C-alpha atoms as a PDB file:
ATOM      1  CA  SER A   1      14.657 -13.100   3.697  1.00  0.00           C
ATOM      2  CA  VAL A   2      14.969  -9.837   5.596  1.00  0.00           C
ATOM      3  CA  SER A   3      12.729  -8.980   8.527  1.00  0.00           C
ATOM      4  CA  LEU A   4      10.471  -5.970   8.065  1.00  0.00           C
ATOM      5  CA  ALA A   5      11.539  -3.321  10.547  1.00  0.00           C
ATOM      6  CA  GLU A   6      11.076   0.377  11.140  1.00  0.00           C
ATOM      7  CA  GLY A   7      13.667   2.409   9.259  1.00  0.00           C
ATOM      8  CA  HIS A   8      14.113  -0.212   6.515  1.00  0.00           C
ATOM      9  CA  TYR A   9      12.933   0.365   2.958  1.00  0.00           C
ATOM     10  CA  LEU A  10      10.439  -1.448   0.759  1.00  0.00           C
ATOM     11  CA  PHE A  11      11.115  -1.586  -2.972  1.00  0.00           C
ATOM     12  CA  LEU A  12       7.730  -1.988  -4.650  1.00  0.00           C
ATOM     13  CA  LYS A  13       6.701  -2.609  -8.248  1.00  0.00           C
ATOM     14  CA  THR A  14       3.067  -1.771  -8.914  1.00  0.00           C
ATOM     15  CA  HIS A  15       0.578  -1.902 -11.758  1.00  0.00           C
ATOM     16  CA  ILE A  16      -2.092   0.796 -11.913  1.00  0.00           C
ATOM     17  CA  PRO A  17      -4.663  -0.342 -12.942  1.00  0.00           C
ATOM     18  CA  PRO A  18      -4.052  -3.700 -11.213  1.00  0.00           C
ATOM     19  CA  SER A  19      -2.734  -6.505 -13.377  1.00  0.00           C
ATOM     20  CA  MET A  20      -0.664  -9.650 -13.027  1.00  0.00           C
ATOM     21  CA  ASP A  21       0.579  -9.238 -16.619  1.00  0.00           C
ATOM     22  CA  ASP A  22       4.382  -8.924 -16.479  1.00  0.00           C
ATOM     23  CA  SER A  23       4.463  -7.404 -19.964  1.00  0.00           C
ATOM     24  CA  ILE A  24       2.826  -4.221 -18.617  1.00  0.00           C
ATOM     25  CA  LYS A  25       5.257  -1.564 -17.397  1.00  0.00           C
ATOM     26  CA  THR A  26       5.379  -1.219 -13.621  1.00  0.00           C
ATOM     27  CA  THR A  27       5.864   1.841 -11.463  1.00  0.00           C
ATOM     28  CA  ASP A  28       8.798   1.430  -9.075  1.00  0.00           C
ATOM     29  CA  MET A  29       8.518   2.963  -5.614  1.00  0.00           C
ATOM     30  CA  THR A  30      10.808   3.104  -2.601  1.00  0.00           C
ATOM     31  CA  GLU A  31       8.941   3.462   0.686  1.00  0.00           C
ATOM     32  CA  LEU A  32      10.220   3.903   4.227  1.00  0.00           C
ATOM     33  CA  ILE A  33       8.792   1.459   6.793  1.00  0.00           C
ATOM     34  CA  LYS A  34       7.425   3.622   9.604  1.00  0.00           C
ATOM     35  CA  CYS A  35       5.785   0.937  11.731  1.00  0.00           C
ATOM     36  CA  ALA A  36       6.354  -2.821  11.905  1.00  0.00           C
ATOM     37  CA  ASP A  37       4.394  -4.222  14.842  1.00  0.00           C
ATOM     38  CA  HIS A  38       4.807  -7.987  14.588  1.00  0.00           C
ATOM     39  CA  GLN A  39       2.748  -8.611  17.732  1.00  0.00           C
ATOM     40  CA  ARG A  40      -0.341  -6.733  16.499  1.00  0.00           C
ATOM     41  CA  PHE A  41       0.239  -7.503  12.778  1.00  0.00           C
ATOM     42  CA  ILE A  42       0.484  -3.882  11.619  1.00  0.00           C
ATOM     43  CA  LEU A  43       2.778  -2.620   8.876  1.00  0.00           C
ATOM     44  CA  GLY A  44       2.926   1.031   7.864  1.00  0.00           C
ATOM     45  CA  TRP A  45       5.059   2.674   5.214  1.00  0.00           C
ATOM     46  CA  GLY A  46       5.215   5.979   3.448  1.00  0.00           C
ATOM     47  CA  SER A  47       7.178   8.793   1.977  1.00  0.00           C
ATOM     48  CA  GLU A  48      10.001  10.476   3.833  1.00  0.00           C
ATOM     49  CA  GLY A  49      10.033  14.103   4.908  1.00  0.00           C
ATOM     50  CA  GLY A  50       7.418  16.458   6.268  1.00  0.00           C
ATOM     51  CA  GLY A  51       5.033  16.199   3.347  1.00  0.00           C
ATOM     52  CA  THR A  52       4.402  19.927   2.958  1.00  0.00           C
ATOM     53  CA  LEU A  53       3.986  19.556  -0.803  1.00  0.00           C
ATOM     54  CA  PHE A  54       2.976  15.874  -0.823  1.00  0.00           C
ATOM     55  CA  GLY A  55       3.241  12.875   1.454  1.00  0.00           C
ATOM     56  CA  ALA A  56       1.566   9.481   1.522  1.00  0.00           C
ATOM     57  CA  GLN A  57       1.324   6.601   3.975  1.00  0.00           C
ATOM     58  CA  GLN A  58      -0.258   3.161   3.846  1.00  0.00           C
ATOM     59  CA  TRP A  59      -1.176   1.053   6.847  1.00  0.00           C
ATOM     60  CA  HIS A  60      -1.820  -2.691   6.487  1.00  0.00           C
ATOM     61  CA  ILE A  61      -3.532  -4.340   9.446  1.00  0.00           C
ATOM     62  CA  LEU A  62      -4.460  -7.966  10.145  1.00  0.00           C
ATOM     63  CA  THR A  63      -6.998  -8.760  12.866  1.00  0.00           C
ATOM     64  CA  GLU A  64      -9.078 -11.773  13.771  1.00  0.00           C
ATOM     65  CA  GLU A  65     -12.832 -11.390  13.488  1.00  0.00           C
ATOM     66  CA  ASN A  66     -15.320 -14.256  13.961  1.00  0.00           C
ATOM     67  CA  GLY A  67     -12.601 -16.864  13.471  1.00  0.00           C
ATOM     68  CA  GLN A  68     -11.414 -15.324  10.190  1.00  0.00           C
ATOM     69  CA  THR A  69      -8.547 -13.015   9.346  1.00  0.00           C
ATOM     70  CA  LYS A  70      -9.581  -9.480   8.454  1.00  0.00           C
ATOM     71  CA  TYR A  71      -7.192  -7.467   6.240  1.00  0.00           C
ATOM     72  CA  GLU A  72      -7.513  -3.689   6.250  1.00  0.00           C
ATOM     73  CA  VAL A  73      -5.640  -1.022   4.299  1.00  0.00           C
ATOM     74  CA  VAL A  74      -5.687   2.637   5.239  1.00  0.00           C
ATOM     75  CA  ALA A  75      -4.124   5.035   2.722  1.00  0.00           C
ATOM     76  CA  VAL A  76      -3.490   8.645   3.698  1.00  0.00           C
ATOM     77  CA  MET A  77      -2.317  11.450   1.418  1.00  0.00           C
ATOM     78  CA  LYS A  78      -1.382  14.881   2.719  1.00  0.00           C
ATOM     79  CA  GLY A  79       0.152  18.127   1.528  1.00  0.00           C
ATOM     80  CA  LEU A  80      -0.659  20.999  -0.786  1.00  0.00           C
ATOM     81  CA  VAL A  81      -1.064  18.842  -3.897  1.00  0.00           C
ATOM     82  CA  ALA A  82      -2.629  15.745  -2.281  1.00  0.00           C
ATOM     83  CA  HIS A  83      -6.114  16.326  -3.739  1.00  0.00           C
ATOM     84  CA  ALA A  84      -4.685  16.850  -7.230  1.00  0.00           C
ATOM     85  CA  VAL A  85      -2.609  13.660  -6.965  1.00  0.00           C
ATOM     86  CA  LYS A  86      -5.632  11.678  -5.774  1.00  0.00           C
ATOM     87  CA  ARG A  87      -7.726  12.977  -8.709  1.00  0.00           C
ATOM     88  CA  LEU A  88      -4.913  12.128 -11.135  1.00  0.00           C
ATOM     89  CA  LEU A  89      -4.529   8.607  -9.740  1.00  0.00           C
ATOM     90  CA  ARG A  90      -8.274   8.118  -9.887  1.00  0.00           C
ATOM     91  CA  SER A  91      -8.415   9.209 -13.528  1.00  0.00           C
ATOM     92  CA  LEU A  92      -5.424   7.021 -14.441  1.00  0.00           C
ATOM     93  CA  SER A  93      -6.668   3.919 -12.679  1.00  0.00           C
ATOM     94  CA  ARG A  94     -10.402   4.604 -13.114  1.00  0.00           C
ATOM     95  CA  ASP A  95     -10.825   3.255  -9.600  1.00  0.00           C
ATOM     96  CA  LEU A  96      -8.108   3.735  -6.985  1.00  0.00           C
ATOM     97  CA  GLU A  97     -10.117   1.916  -4.320  1.00  0.00           C
ATOM     98  CA  GLY A  98     -10.648  -0.952  -6.781  1.00  0.00           C
ATOM     99  CA  SER A  99      -6.880  -1.236  -7.197  1.00  0.00           C
ATOM    100  CA  ILE A 100      -6.420  -1.520  -3.441  1.00  0.00           C
ATOM    101  CA  GLN A 101      -9.235  -4.091  -3.206  1.00  0.00           C
ATOM    102  CA  GLU A 102      -7.678  -6.165  -6.008  1.00  0.00           C
ATOM    103  CA  MET A 103      -4.339  -6.123  -4.155  1.00  0.00           C
ATOM    104  CA  ALA A 104      -6.072  -7.435  -1.018  1.00  0.00           C
ATOM    105  CA  THR A 105      -7.883 -10.134  -3.009  1.00  0.00           C
ATOM    106  CA  SER A 106      -4.625 -11.212  -4.675  1.00  0.00           C
ATOM    107  CA  LEU A 107      -2.818 -11.287  -1.323  1.00  0.00           C
ATOM    108  CA  LYS A 108      -5.570 -13.472   0.154  1.00  0.00           C
ATOM    109  CA  ARG A 109      -5.403 -15.847  -2.839  1.00  0.00           C
ATOM    110  CA  VAL A 110      -1.602 -16.210  -2.498  1.00  0.00           C
ATOM    111  CA  CYS A 111      -1.782 -16.727   1.294  1.00  0.00           C
ATOM    112  CA  GLU A 112      -4.425 -19.446   0.998  1.00  0.00           C
ATOM    113  CA  GLN A 113      -2.456 -21.512  -1.536  1.00  0.00           C
END
Protein backbone atom coordinates (compact mmCIF):
# COMPACT_ATOMS: atom_id res chain seq x y z
CA SER A 1 0.00 0.00 0.00
CA VAL A 2 1.14 3.53 -0.75
CA SER A 3 0.80 6.35 1.77
CA LEU A 4 -1.48 9.20 0.75
CA ALA A 5 0.64 12.32 0.41
CA GLU A 6 0.41 15.76 -1.11
CA GLY A 7 1.49 15.74 -4.75
CA HIS A 8 0.50 12.09 -5.29
CA TYR A 9 -2.43 11.09 -7.48
CA LEU A 10 -5.63 9.20 -6.77
CA PHE A 11 -7.06 7.01 -9.52
CA LEU A 12 -10.80 6.79 -8.86
CA LYS A 13 -13.57 4.75 -10.45
CA THR A 14 -17.03 6.12 -9.71
CA HIS A 15 -20.65 5.28 -10.41
CA ILE A 16 -23.09 8.15 -10.85
CA PRO A 17 -25.76 7.42 -9.70
CA PRO A 18 -24.17 5.39 -6.88
CA SER A 19 -24.11 1.64 -7.32
CA MET A 20 -22.04 -1.33 -6.22
CA ASP A 21 -22.94 -3.17 -9.46
CA ASP A 22 -19.68 -3.91 -11.29
CA SER A 23 -21.55 -4.46 -14.56
CA ILE A 24 -22.34 -0.72 -14.73
CA LYS A 25 -19.75 1.38 -16.56
CA THR A 26 -17.63 3.54 -14.27
CA THR A 27 -16.20 6.99 -14.81
CA ASP A 28 -12.42 7.04 -14.31
CA MET A 29 -10.86 10.11 -12.73
CA THR A 30 -7.32 11.11 -11.83
CA GLU A 31 -7.14 13.59 -8.96
CA LEU A 32 -4.18 15.38 -7.42
CA ILE A 33 -3.90 15.09 -3.62
CA LYS A 34 -3.63 18.66 -2.34
CA CYS A 35 -3.75 18.01 1.40
CA ALA A 36 -3.02 14.87 3.42
CA ASP A 37 -3.03 15.77 7.11
CA HIS A 38 -2.66 12.45 8.92
CA GLN A 39 -2.67 14.11 12.35
CA ARG A 40 -6.02 15.89 11.86
CA PHE A 41 -7.50 13.22 9.53
CA ILE A 42 -8.07 15.51 6.54
CA LEU A 43 -7.67 14.51 2.91
CA GLY A 44 -8.24 16.93 0.05
CA TRP A 45 -7.94 16.33 -3.67
CA GLY A 46 -8.90 18.09 -6.84
CA SER A 47 -8.16 19.09 -10.36
CA GLU A 48 -4.86 20.60 -11.38
CA GLY A 49 -4.41 24.09 -12.76
CA GLY A 50 -5.98 27.44 -12.00
CA GLY A 51 -9.55 26.42 -12.73
CA THR A 52 -10.45 29.44 -14.85
CA LEU A 53 -12.80 27.35 -16.98
CA PHE A 54 -13.51 24.63 -14.41
CA GLY A 55 -11.93 23.26 -11.26
CA ALA A 56 -13.16 21.00 -8.48
CA GLN A 57 -11.92 19.96 -5.05
CA GLN A 58 -13.18 17.53 -2.43
CA TRP A 59 -12.24 17.59 1.24
CA HIS A 60 -12.82 14.54 3.45
CA ILE A 61 -12.60 15.17 7.19
CA LEU A 62 -12.85 12.83 10.18
CA THR A 63 -13.49 14.28 13.64
CA GLU A 64 -14.63 12.86 16.95
CA GLU A 65 -17.96 14.09 18.26
CA ASN A 66 -19.67 12.69 21.38
CA GLY A 67 -17.54 9.55 21.31
CA GLN A 68 -18.37 8.81 17.66
CA THR A 69 -16.51 9.46 14.44
CA LYS A 70 -18.01 12.18 12.27
CA TYR A 71 -17.27 12.03 8.51
CA GLU A 72 -17.70 15.21 6.49
CA VAL A 73 -17.29 15.87 2.77
CA VAL A 74 -16.98 19.34 1.31
CA ALA A 75 -17.12 19.58 -2.49
CA VAL A 76 -16.21 22.84 -4.21
CA MET A 77 -16.57 23.64 -7.90
CA LYS A 78 -15.23 26.83 -9.44
CA GLY A 79 -14.72 28.45 -12.82
CA LEU A 80 -16.77 29.85 -15.67
CA VAL A 81 -18.69 26.63 -16.33
CA ALA A 82 -19.01 25.36 -12.73
CA HIS A 83 -22.75 26.08 -12.45
CA ALA A 84 -23.44 24.34 -15.77
CA VAL A 85 -21.42 21.29 -14.70
CA LYS A 86 -23.24 21.12 -11.36
CA ARG A 87 -26.64 21.29 -13.13
CA LEU A 88 -25.53 18.58 -15.57
CA LEU A 89 -24.31 16.30 -12.77
CA ARG A 90 -27.52 16.88 -10.86
CA SER A 91 -29.64 15.97 -13.88
CA LEU A 92 -27.52 12.88 -14.61
CA SER A 93 -27.49 11.60 -11.06
CA ARG A 94 -30.90 12.99 -10.03
CA ASP A 95 -29.31 13.78 -6.69
CA LEU A 96 -25.63 14.73 -6.45
CA GLU A 97 -25.81 15.16 -2.68
CA GLY A 98 -27.46 11.73 -2.44
CA SER A 99 -24.50 10.23 -4.29
CA ILE A 100 -22.08 11.77 -1.80
CA GLN A 101 -24.22 10.58 1.13
CA GLU A 102 -24.32 7.03 -0.28
CA MET A 103 -20.52 7.07 -0.58
CA ALA A 104 -20.23 8.07 3.09
CA THR A 105 -22.71 5.37 4.13
CA SER A 106 -20.82 2.73 2.13
CA LEU A 107 -17.49 3.86 3.61
CA LYS A 108 -18.92 3.60 7.13
CA ARG A 109 -20.29 0.10 6.41
CA VAL A 110 -16.89 -1.09 5.10
CA CYS A 111 -14.98 0.46 8.04
CA GLU A 112 -17.25 -1.17 10.62
CA GLN A 113 -16.86 -4.69 9.20
